[in-house]
Amino acid sequence: MQPPSRTSRSETLPSPAPSVAPPAVASASAHDDPYGIPPLCREQILEGTWHPEDGVPPGYRVATRANVPRLVAGAVTLGILWFLTVPTVLSASDETAALPALVPLAGPFIAIETTGARETDAYWLLLNGLGQVAGASLLASSVLAPDAVLDRIYDRKAPGVTTHVAPMVGPNRAGLMAGGRF
């Protein structure tokens, strides 16, 4: 038996395809997308580069939602700084003088005066108060200035929507399987 003939590496590799210019973007047809969304709009939506000035693509509507990262950042900042004042007040030598520090936002500023805080203590109370104000500002701005986002309008009568349920049987198991195309 003869060993297989050896060929050089260049003979076994396919030749590279000739370079071709990319085709121009054609208009969307019903076959491409059941909702008729043009391809460029679809790319903007998927990449998250849509802005309200761009207009609303077919099959979508504009909705407003709170900016969640800003909301979380504000709530965490305000909450942590406010909860850090509780052990500070409880460990103070004069609890009644430090009690105003428990008031969110204005408390640390009031406590500077009521406790007679000097340099270092006043500095930390001032930072705590400014941090609480910053957290409350983030929290309020996320709710009062919501972001405009695109929401897909789902039409149950859209072409191509199918669902099915089928039995599923396997070794030592049985059940139902559900699937579909949306």
N, C-alpha and C. Protein backbone atom coordinates (compact mmCIF):
# COMPACT_ATOMS: atom_id res chain seq x y z
N MET A 1 0.84 -1.17 0.00
CA MET A 1 0.00 0.00 0.00
C MET A 1 0.89 1.23 0.00
N GLN A 2 0.60 2.16 -0.88
CA GLN A 2 1.41 3.36 -1.01
C GLN A 2 0.85 4.47 -0.13
N PRO A 3 1.74 5.25 0.47
CA PRO A 3 1.25 6.38 1.26
C PRO A 3 0.61 7.42 0.33
N PRO A 4 -0.32 8.18 0.87
CA PRO A 4 -0.95 9.20 0.03
C PRO A 4 0.10 10.20 -0.45
N SER A 5 -0.11 10.68 -1.65
CA SER A 5 0.85 11.63 -2.21
C SER A 5 0.75 12.95 -1.47
N ARG A 6 1.91 13.53 -1.29
CA ARG A 6 1.94 14.81 -0.58
C ARG A 6 1.92 15.92 -1.62
N THR A 7 1.10 16.91 -1.31
CA THR A 7 1.05 18.07 -2.18
C THR A 7 1.50 19.27 -1.38
N SER A 8 1.92 20.26 -2.06
CA SER A 8 2.36 21.45 -1.33
C SER A 8 1.15 22.16 -0.73
N ARG A 9 1.40 22.92 0.32
CA ARG A 9 0.33 23.62 1.03
C ARG A 9 -0.42 24.59 0.11
N SER A 10 0.27 25.22 -0.80
CA SER A 10 -0.37 26.20 -1.67
C SER A 10 -1.36 25.52 -2.63
N GLU A 11 -1.16 24.25 -2.93
CA GLU A 11 -2.07 23.57 -3.83
C GLU A 11 -3.38 23.19 -3.13
N THR A 12 -3.35 23.01 -1.80
CA THR A 12 -4.55 22.56 -1.11
C THR A 12 -5.44 23.71 -0.67
N LEU A 13 -4.89 24.91 -0.54
CA LEU A 13 -5.69 26.04 -0.09
C LEU A 13 -6.47 26.63 -1.25
N PRO A 14 -7.72 26.98 -1.00
CA PRO A 14 -8.48 27.62 -2.07
C PRO A 14 -7.94 29.03 -2.32
N SER A 15 -8.10 29.48 -3.52
CA SER A 15 -7.63 30.82 -3.85
C SER A 15 -8.56 31.85 -3.22
N PRO A 16 -8.03 32.99 -2.83
CA PRO A 16 -8.89 34.00 -2.20
C PRO A 16 -9.91 34.53 -3.20
N ALA A 17 -11.06 34.88 -2.65
CA ALA A 17 -12.12 35.41 -3.50
C ALA A 17 -11.74 36.81 -3.97
N PRO A 18 -12.11 37.15 -5.18
CA PRO A 18 -11.80 38.51 -5.64
C PRO A 18 -12.55 39.53 -4.81
N SER A 19 -11.93 40.68 -4.60
CA SER A 19 -12.59 41.70 -3.79
C SER A 19 -13.74 42.31 -4.57
N VAL A 20 -14.85 42.42 -3.86
CA VAL A 20 -16.07 42.95 -4.48
C VAL A 20 -16.58 44.07 -3.59
N ALA A 21 -17.05 45.12 -4.18
CA ALA A 21 -17.61 46.23 -3.42
C ALA A 21 -18.89 45.76 -2.75
N PRO A 22 -19.16 46.20 -1.50
CA PRO A 22 -20.39 45.78 -0.82
C PRO A 22 -21.61 46.31 -1.55
N PRO A 23 -22.67 45.51 -1.57
CA PRO A 23 -23.87 45.96 -2.27
C PRO A 23 -24.52 47.14 -1.54
N ALA A 24 -25.19 47.96 -2.30
CA ALA A 24 -25.89 49.10 -1.71
C ALA A 24 -27.07 48.58 -0.90
N VAL A 25 -27.42 49.33 0.15
CA VAL A 25 -28.53 48.93 1.01
C VAL A 25 -29.83 49.13 0.23
N ALA A 26 -30.56 48.05 0.09
CA ALA A 26 -31.83 48.12 -0.63
C ALA A 26 -32.94 48.46 0.34
N SER A 27 -34.04 48.92 -0.18
CA SER A 27 -35.17 49.23 0.69
C SER A 27 -35.75 47.94 1.25
N ALA A 28 -36.27 48.03 2.45
CA ALA A 28 -36.83 46.85 3.11
C ALA A 28 -38.11 46.42 2.42
N SER A 29 -38.27 45.14 2.32
CA SER A 29 -39.51 44.62 1.76
C SER A 29 -40.22 43.84 2.85
N ALA A 30 -41.43 43.46 2.59
CA ALA A 30 -42.20 42.69 3.56
C ALA A 30 -41.52 41.36 3.85
N HIS A 31 -40.73 40.86 2.88
CA HIS A 31 -40.06 39.59 3.07
C HIS A 31 -38.93 39.73 4.10
N ASP A 32 -38.23 40.89 4.12
CA ASP A 32 -37.12 41.10 5.05
C ASP A 32 -37.61 41.23 6.49
N ASP A 33 -38.63 42.00 6.71
CA ASP A 33 -39.13 42.26 8.05
C ASP A 33 -40.64 42.38 7.99
N PRO A 34 -41.36 41.57 8.78
CA PRO A 34 -42.83 41.63 8.70
C PRO A 34 -43.40 42.99 9.08
N TYR A 35 -42.63 43.80 9.81
CA TYR A 35 -43.14 45.11 10.22
C TYR A 35 -42.71 46.21 9.25
N GLY A 36 -41.87 45.89 8.27
CA GLY A 36 -41.45 46.86 7.28
C GLY A 36 -40.49 47.90 7.81
N ILE A 37 -39.64 47.53 8.76
CA ILE A 37 -38.67 48.48 9.31
C ILE A 37 -37.47 48.53 8.37
N PRO A 38 -37.12 49.72 7.89
CA PRO A 38 -35.95 49.82 7.00
C PRO A 38 -34.69 49.34 7.70
N PRO A 39 -33.75 48.75 6.94
CA PRO A 39 -32.54 48.19 7.54
C PRO A 39 -31.73 49.20 8.35
N LEU A 40 -31.62 50.45 7.89
CA LEU A 40 -30.82 51.42 8.63
C LEU A 40 -31.45 51.73 9.98
N CYS A 41 -32.78 51.81 10.04
CA CYS A 41 -33.46 52.02 11.33
C CYS A 41 -33.23 50.83 12.24
N ARG A 42 -33.28 49.62 11.68
CA ARG A 42 -33.08 48.42 12.47
C ARG A 42 -31.69 48.43 13.08
N GLU A 43 -30.66 48.87 12.32
CA GLU A 43 -29.30 48.93 12.86
C GLU A 43 -29.21 49.95 13.99
N GLN A 44 -29.86 51.10 13.85
CA GLN A 44 -29.83 52.11 14.90
C GLN A 44 -30.47 51.58 16.18
N ILE A 45 -31.56 50.86 16.03
CA ILE A 45 -32.26 50.33 17.20
C ILE A 45 -31.39 49.29 17.90
N LEU A 46 -30.78 48.39 17.13
CA LEU A 46 -29.96 47.33 17.72
C LEU A 46 -28.70 47.90 18.37
N GLU A 47 -28.11 48.93 17.78
CA GLU A 47 -26.89 49.50 18.33
C GLU A 47 -27.16 50.50 19.45
N GLY A 48 -28.42 50.89 19.63
CA GLY A 48 -28.76 51.84 20.68
C GLY A 48 -28.39 53.27 20.33
N THR A 49 -28.28 53.58 19.04
CA THR A 49 -27.90 54.94 18.64
C THR A 49 -29.11 55.77 18.23
N TRP A 50 -30.30 55.33 18.53
CA TRP A 50 -31.50 56.07 18.15
C TRP A 50 -31.67 57.28 19.06
N HIS A 51 -32.06 58.39 18.46
CA HIS A 51 -32.37 59.61 19.20
C HIS A 51 -33.75 60.09 18.78
N PRO A 52 -34.47 60.77 19.65
CA PRO A 52 -35.82 61.22 19.30
C PRO A 52 -35.86 62.09 18.04
N GLU A 53 -34.76 62.80 17.73
CA GLU A 53 -34.74 63.64 16.53
C GLU A 53 -34.74 62.81 15.25
N ASP A 54 -34.39 61.52 15.34
CA ASP A 54 -34.33 60.66 14.16
C ASP A 54 -35.71 60.24 13.66
N GLY A 55 -36.75 60.49 14.43
CA GLY A 55 -38.09 60.05 14.04
C GLY A 55 -38.35 58.65 14.58
N VAL A 56 -39.59 58.26 14.50
CA VAL A 56 -39.99 56.95 15.01
C VAL A 56 -40.12 55.98 13.85
N PRO A 57 -39.35 54.88 13.84
CA PRO A 57 -39.46 53.91 12.75
C PRO A 57 -40.79 53.17 12.81
N PRO A 58 -41.25 52.66 11.68
CA PRO A 58 -42.50 51.89 11.68
C PRO A 58 -42.39 50.68 12.59
N GLY A 59 -43.45 50.37 13.30
CA GLY A 59 -43.47 49.21 14.19
C GLY A 59 -43.00 49.53 15.59
N TYR A 60 -42.69 50.80 15.86
CA TYR A 60 -42.22 51.22 17.18
C TYR A 60 -43.03 52.42 17.65
N ARG A 61 -42.97 52.69 18.95
CA ARG A 61 -43.56 53.88 19.52
C ARG A 61 -42.58 54.42 20.56
N VAL A 62 -42.69 55.69 20.84
CA VAL A 62 -41.80 56.31 21.83
C VAL A 62 -42.43 56.18 23.21
N ALA A 63 -41.65 55.72 24.15
CA ALA A 63 -42.08 55.61 25.55
C ALA A 63 -41.03 56.31 26.41
N THR A 64 -41.42 56.71 27.59
CA THR A 64 -40.47 57.34 28.51
C THR A 64 -40.25 56.42 29.70
N ARG A 65 -39.01 56.34 30.12
CA ARG A 65 -38.64 55.52 31.26
C ARG A 65 -37.61 56.27 32.09
N ALA A 66 -37.64 56.01 33.38
CA ALA A 66 -36.64 56.61 34.27
C ALA A 66 -35.27 56.06 33.90
N ASN A 67 -34.25 56.88 34.03
CA ASN A 67 -32.89 56.46 33.76
C ASN A 67 -32.44 55.58 34.93
N VAL A 68 -32.43 54.28 34.73
CA VAL A 68 -32.20 53.33 35.82
C VAL A 68 -30.80 53.45 36.43
N PRO A 69 -29.72 53.57 35.63
CA PRO A 69 -28.41 53.71 36.28
C PRO A 69 -28.33 54.95 37.18
N ARG A 70 -28.91 56.06 36.72
CA ARG A 70 -28.91 57.28 37.53
C ARG A 70 -29.76 57.09 38.79
N LEU A 71 -30.89 56.41 38.64
CA LEU A 71 -31.77 56.15 39.78
C LEU A 71 -31.06 55.31 40.84
N VAL A 72 -30.40 54.25 40.40
CA VAL A 72 -29.69 53.37 41.33
C VAL A 72 -28.53 54.10 42.00
N ALA A 73 -27.78 54.87 41.21
CA ALA A 73 -26.64 55.61 41.77
C ALA A 73 -27.12 56.60 42.83
N GLY A 74 -28.21 57.29 42.56
CA GLY A 74 -28.73 58.25 43.52
C GLY A 74 -29.25 57.59 44.79
N ALA A 75 -29.99 56.50 44.62
CA ALA A 75 -30.55 55.80 45.78
C ALA A 75 -29.44 55.21 46.65
N VAL A 76 -28.43 54.63 46.03
CA VAL A 76 -27.33 54.02 46.79
C VAL A 76 -26.52 55.10 47.51
N THR A 77 -26.22 56.19 46.81
CA THR A 77 -25.44 57.26 47.44
C THR A 77 -26.18 57.87 48.62
N LEU A 78 -27.43 58.23 48.41
CA LEU A 78 -28.22 58.83 49.48
C LEU A 78 -28.41 57.85 50.63
N GLY A 79 -28.77 56.61 50.31
CA GLY A 79 -29.04 55.61 51.34
C GLY A 79 -27.83 55.27 52.18
N ILE A 80 -26.69 55.04 51.55
CA ILE A 80 -25.49 54.68 52.31
C ILE A 80 -25.05 55.82 53.22
N LEU A 81 -25.03 57.03 52.68
CA LEU A 81 -24.59 58.16 53.51
C LEU A 81 -25.57 58.43 54.65
N TRP A 82 -26.85 58.27 54.39
CA TRP A 82 -27.82 58.51 55.47
C TRP A 82 -27.71 57.42 56.54
N PHE A 83 -27.56 56.15 56.11
CA PHE A 83 -27.43 55.07 57.10
C PHE A 83 -26.12 55.15 57.87
N LEU A 84 -25.08 55.75 57.31
CA LEU A 84 -23.83 55.90 58.04
C LEU A 84 -23.95 56.92 59.17
N THR A 85 -24.94 57.79 59.12
CA THR A 85 -25.10 58.76 60.20
C THR A 85 -25.73 58.15 61.45
N VAL A 86 -26.43 57.03 61.31
CA VAL A 86 -27.09 56.41 62.47
C VAL A 86 -26.07 55.99 63.52
N PRO A 87 -25.04 55.19 63.19
CA PRO A 87 -24.08 54.83 64.24
C PRO A 87 -23.31 56.04 64.75
N THR A 88 -23.13 57.05 63.90
CA THR A 88 -22.44 58.26 64.34
C THR A 88 -23.23 58.97 65.42
N VAL A 89 -24.55 59.07 65.21
CA VAL A 89 -25.41 59.73 66.20
C VAL A 89 -25.47 58.91 67.48
N LEU A 90 -25.59 57.59 67.35
CA LEU A 90 -25.69 56.74 68.55
C LEU A 90 -24.40 56.73 69.36
N SER A 91 -23.27 56.95 68.71
CA SER A 91 -21.99 56.93 69.44
C SER A 91 -21.58 58.32 69.91
N ALA A 92 -22.34 59.34 69.62
CA ALA A 92 -22.00 60.71 70.03
C ALA A 92 -22.14 60.85 71.54
N SER A 93 -21.32 61.70 72.11
CA SER A 93 -21.38 61.91 73.56
C SER A 93 -22.67 62.62 73.96
N ASP A 94 -23.18 63.49 73.11
CA ASP A 94 -24.44 64.19 73.38
C ASP A 94 -25.41 63.83 72.26
N GLU A 95 -26.21 62.76 72.49
CA GLU A 95 -27.10 62.27 71.44
C GLU A 95 -28.16 63.28 71.05
N THR A 96 -28.64 64.07 71.97
CA THR A 96 -29.70 65.03 71.64
C THR A 96 -29.17 66.12 70.71
N ALA A 97 -27.92 66.51 70.87
CA ALA A 97 -27.34 67.51 69.97
C ALA A 97 -27.08 66.94 68.59
N ALA A 98 -26.76 65.62 68.52
CA ALA A 98 -26.45 64.98 67.23
C ALA A 98 -27.70 64.45 66.53
N LEU A 99 -28.84 64.44 67.21
CA LEU A 99 -30.08 63.89 66.65
C LEU A 99 -30.50 64.53 65.33
N PRO A 100 -30.33 65.82 65.11
CA PRO A 100 -30.72 66.41 63.82
C PRO A 100 -29.98 65.81 62.62
N ALA A 101 -28.83 65.18 62.84
CA ALA A 101 -28.09 64.57 61.73
C ALA A 101 -28.88 63.45 61.05
N LEU A 102 -29.90 62.91 61.72
CA LEU A 102 -30.70 61.84 61.13
C LEU A 102 -31.69 62.34 60.09
N VAL A 103 -31.89 63.64 60.03
CA VAL A 103 -32.79 64.20 59.01
C VAL A 103 -32.08 64.11 57.66
N PRO A 104 -32.70 63.44 56.66
CA PRO A 104 -32.03 63.33 55.36
C PRO A 104 -31.80 64.71 54.74
N LEU A 105 -30.73 64.85 54.03
CA LEU A 105 -30.30 66.05 53.30
C LEU A 105 -29.87 67.20 54.20
N ALA A 106 -30.74 67.77 54.99
CA ALA A 106 -30.40 68.95 55.80
C ALA A 106 -29.77 68.58 57.13
N GLY A 107 -29.95 67.35 57.59
CA GLY A 107 -29.48 66.96 58.91
C GLY A 107 -28.01 67.19 59.18
N PRO A 108 -27.11 66.75 58.29
CA PRO A 108 -25.70 66.98 58.58
C PRO A 108 -25.35 68.47 58.71
N PHE A 109 -25.98 69.32 57.93
CA PHE A 109 -25.70 70.75 58.00
C PHE A 109 -26.20 71.34 59.32
N ILE A 110 -27.37 70.86 59.77
CA ILE A 110 -27.92 71.32 61.06
C ILE A 110 -27.04 70.81 62.20
N ALA A 111 -26.55 69.56 62.07
CA ALA A 111 -25.74 68.97 63.14
C ALA A 111 -24.42 69.68 63.32
N ILE A 112 -23.91 70.31 62.29
CA ILE A 112 -22.66 71.08 62.44
C ILE A 112 -22.84 72.17 63.50
N GLU A 113 -24.00 72.82 63.46
CA GLU A 113 -24.27 73.90 64.41
C GLU A 113 -24.68 73.36 65.77
N THR A 114 -25.57 72.34 65.80
CA THR A 114 -26.09 71.87 67.09
C THR A 114 -25.04 71.14 67.91
N THR A 115 -24.10 70.47 67.29
CA THR A 115 -23.07 69.74 68.04
C THR A 115 -21.87 70.61 68.34
N GLY A 116 -21.80 71.76 67.72
CA GLY A 116 -20.63 72.62 67.90
C GLY A 116 -19.39 71.96 67.32
N ALA A 117 -19.57 71.28 66.19
CA ALA A 117 -18.48 70.53 65.57
C ALA A 117 -17.34 71.46 65.19
N ARG A 118 -16.14 70.98 65.41
CA ARG A 118 -14.96 71.76 65.05
C ARG A 118 -14.35 71.15 63.80
N GLU A 119 -13.40 71.77 63.24
CA GLU A 119 -12.74 71.49 61.98
C GLU A 119 -12.99 70.09 61.37
N THR A 120 -12.41 69.05 61.95
CA THR A 120 -12.48 67.72 61.33
C THR A 120 -13.91 67.19 61.33
N ASP A 121 -14.60 67.30 62.45
CA ASP A 121 -15.97 66.80 62.52
C ASP A 121 -16.88 67.59 61.58
N ALA A 122 -16.70 68.89 61.53
CA ALA A 122 -17.50 69.71 60.64
C ALA A 122 -17.23 69.36 59.18
N TYR A 123 -15.97 69.06 58.88
CA TYR A 123 -15.60 68.66 57.51
C TYR A 123 -16.32 67.39 57.10
N TRP A 124 -16.34 66.37 57.96
CA TRP A 124 -17.00 65.11 57.62
C TRP A 124 -18.52 65.26 57.55
N LEU A 125 -19.09 66.07 58.44
CA LEU A 125 -20.53 66.32 58.36
C LEU A 125 -20.88 67.07 57.07
N LEU A 126 -20.03 68.01 56.68
CA LEU A 126 -20.24 68.75 55.44
C LEU A 126 -20.17 67.82 54.24
N LEU A 127 -19.17 66.93 54.19
CA LEU A 127 -19.07 65.95 53.09
C LEU A 127 -20.28 65.02 53.06
N ASN A 128 -20.72 64.59 54.24
CA ASN A 128 -21.89 63.72 54.32
C ASN A 128 -23.12 64.44 53.77
N GLY A 129 -23.32 65.68 54.16
CA GLY A 129 -24.46 66.45 53.67
C GLY A 129 -24.41 66.69 52.18
N LEU A 130 -23.23 67.05 51.66
CA LEU A 130 -23.08 67.27 50.21
C LEU A 130 -23.31 65.98 49.43
N GLY A 131 -22.83 64.86 49.97
CA GLY A 131 -23.06 63.56 49.32
C GLY A 131 -24.54 63.20 49.29
N GLN A 132 -25.24 63.46 50.39
CA GLN A 132 -26.68 63.19 50.42
C GLN A 132 -27.43 64.06 49.42
N VAL A 133 -27.04 65.31 49.31
CA VAL A 133 -27.68 66.21 48.34
C VAL A 133 -27.39 65.72 46.91
N ALA A 134 -26.17 65.29 46.65
CA ALA A 134 -25.83 64.77 45.32
C ALA A 134 -26.65 63.51 45.01
N GLY A 135 -26.78 62.60 45.97
CA GLY A 135 -27.58 61.39 45.76
C GLY A 135 -29.04 61.71 45.52
N ALA A 136 -29.58 62.66 46.29
CA ALA A 136 -30.98 63.05 46.10
C ALA A 136 -31.17 63.71 44.75
N SER A 137 -30.19 64.48 44.29
CA SER A 137 -30.27 65.12 42.97
C SER A 137 -30.29 64.09 41.86
N LEU A 138 -29.42 63.09 41.95
CA LEU A 138 -29.42 62.02 40.95
C LEU A 138 -30.76 61.28 40.95
N LEU A 139 -31.25 60.98 42.11
CA LEU A 139 -32.53 60.27 42.24
C LEU A 139 -33.66 61.08 41.64
N ALA A 140 -33.73 62.35 41.96
CA ALA A 140 -34.81 63.20 41.44
C ALA A 140 -34.68 63.40 39.94
N SER A 141 -33.46 63.59 39.43
CA SER A 141 -33.31 63.83 38.00
C SER A 141 -33.67 62.61 37.16
N SER A 142 -33.45 61.42 37.71
CA SER A 142 -33.80 60.21 36.94
C SER A 142 -35.31 60.06 36.81
N VAL A 143 -36.05 60.53 37.79
CA VAL A 143 -37.51 60.41 37.75
C VAL A 143 -38.15 61.61 37.04
N LEU A 144 -37.62 62.81 37.29
CA LEU A 144 -38.23 64.01 36.72
C LEU A 144 -37.83 64.26 35.26
N ALA A 145 -36.73 63.70 34.82
CA ALA A 145 -36.29 63.86 33.43
C ALA A 145 -36.08 62.48 32.81
N PRO A 146 -37.18 61.78 32.48
CA PRO A 146 -37.04 60.42 31.96
C PRO A 146 -36.45 60.41 30.55
N ASP A 147 -35.90 59.28 30.17
CA ASP A 147 -35.32 59.10 28.85
C ASP A 147 -36.38 58.60 27.87
N ALA A 148 -36.29 59.05 26.63
CA ALA A 148 -37.18 58.56 25.58
C ALA A 148 -36.56 57.29 24.99
N VAL A 149 -37.34 56.23 24.94
CA VAL A 149 -36.87 54.95 24.40
C VAL A 149 -37.88 54.44 23.39
N LEU A 150 -37.43 53.54 22.53
CA LEU A 150 -38.33 52.92 21.56
C LEU A 150 -38.91 51.64 22.13
N ASP A 151 -40.21 51.49 22.01
CA ASP A 151 -40.90 50.26 22.40
C ASP A 151 -41.45 49.62 21.14
N ARG A 152 -41.23 48.34 20.98
CA ARG A 152 -41.74 47.62 19.82
C ARG A 152 -43.24 47.44 19.97
N ILE A 153 -43.98 47.67 18.90
CA ILE A 153 -45.42 47.43 18.90
C ILE A 153 -45.62 46.02 18.35
N TYR A 154 -46.12 45.16 19.20
CA TYR A 154 -46.32 43.77 18.79
C TYR A 154 -47.74 43.60 18.29
N ASP A 155 -47.84 43.08 17.09
CA ASP A 155 -49.13 42.83 16.48
C ASP A 155 -49.31 41.32 16.41
N ARG A 156 -50.30 40.82 17.09
CA ARG A 156 -50.51 39.35 17.12
C ARG A 156 -50.87 38.81 15.74
N LYS A 157 -51.32 39.66 14.86
CA LYS A 157 -51.69 39.20 13.53
C LYS A 157 -50.56 39.36 12.53
N ALA A 158 -49.36 39.65 13.00
CA ALA A 158 -48.23 39.86 12.12
C ALA A 158 -47.87 38.55 11.41
N PRO A 159 -47.46 38.63 10.15
CA PRO A 159 -47.08 37.42 9.44
C PRO A 159 -45.84 36.79 10.06
N GLY A 160 -45.80 35.49 10.06
CA GLY A 160 -44.64 34.78 10.56
C GLY A 160 -44.70 34.42 12.03
N VAL A 161 -45.74 34.82 12.75
CA VAL A 161 -45.86 34.47 14.16
C VAL A 161 -46.53 33.11 14.26
N THR A 162 -45.80 32.14 14.78
CA THR A 162 -46.36 30.79 14.93
C THR A 162 -45.98 30.25 16.30
N THR A 163 -46.84 29.44 16.84
CA THR A 163 -46.55 28.74 18.09
C THR A 163 -47.00 27.30 17.95
N HIS A 164 -46.38 26.43 18.74
CA HIS A 164 -46.78 25.03 18.72
C HIS A 164 -46.43 24.37 20.06
N VAL A 165 -47.18 23.35 20.38
CA VAL A 165 -46.95 22.53 21.57
C VAL A 165 -46.91 21.09 21.11
N ALA A 166 -45.91 20.35 21.60
CA ALA A 166 -45.76 18.95 21.17
C ALA A 166 -45.33 18.11 22.37
N PRO A 167 -45.69 16.82 22.36
CA PRO A 167 -45.21 15.95 23.44
C PRO A 167 -43.72 15.70 23.29
N MET A 168 -43.04 15.52 24.42
CA MET A 168 -41.63 15.22 24.42
C MET A 168 -41.41 13.99 25.29
N VAL A 169 -40.81 12.96 24.72
CA VAL A 169 -40.58 11.71 25.44
C VAL A 169 -39.11 11.36 25.29
N GLY A 170 -38.48 10.99 26.39
CA GLY A 170 -37.09 10.60 26.38
C GLY A 170 -36.86 9.53 27.43
N PRO A 171 -35.62 9.05 27.54
CA PRO A 171 -35.34 8.05 28.56
C PRO A 171 -35.59 8.62 29.96
N ASN A 172 -36.46 7.98 30.69
CA ASN A 172 -36.80 8.36 32.06
C ASN A 172 -37.44 9.73 32.20
N ARG A 173 -38.04 10.27 31.13
CA ARG A 173 -38.75 11.55 31.24
C ARG A 173 -39.81 11.68 30.16
N ALA A 174 -40.78 12.50 30.47
CA ALA A 174 -41.84 12.80 29.52
C ALA A 174 -42.39 14.16 29.86
N GLY A 175 -42.93 14.85 28.88
CA GLY A 175 -43.49 16.17 29.13
C GLY A 175 -43.96 16.83 27.87
N LEU A 176 -44.17 18.12 27.94
CA LEU A 176 -44.60 18.91 26.81
C LEU A 176 -43.49 19.88 26.42
N MET A 177 -43.41 20.15 25.13
CA MET A 177 -42.44 21.10 24.61
C MET A 177 -43.21 22.19 23.89
N ALA A 178 -42.88 23.45 24.19
CA ALA A 178 -43.53 24.56 23.53
C ALA A 178 -42.49 25.34 22.74
N GLY A 179 -42.87 25.84 21.61
CA GLY A 179 -41.96 26.60 20.78
C GLY A 179 -42.73 27.57 19.90
N GLY A 180 -41.99 28.38 19.21
CA GLY A 180 -42.65 29.31 18.31
C GLY A 180 -41.67 30.25 17.67
N ARG A 181 -42.20 31.05 16.77
CA ARG A 181 -41.42 32.06 16.06
C ARG A 181 -42.15 33.37 16.24
N PHE A 182 -41.46 34.36 16.76
CA PHE A 182 -42.09 35.65 17.03
C PHE A 182 -41.46 36.71 16.19
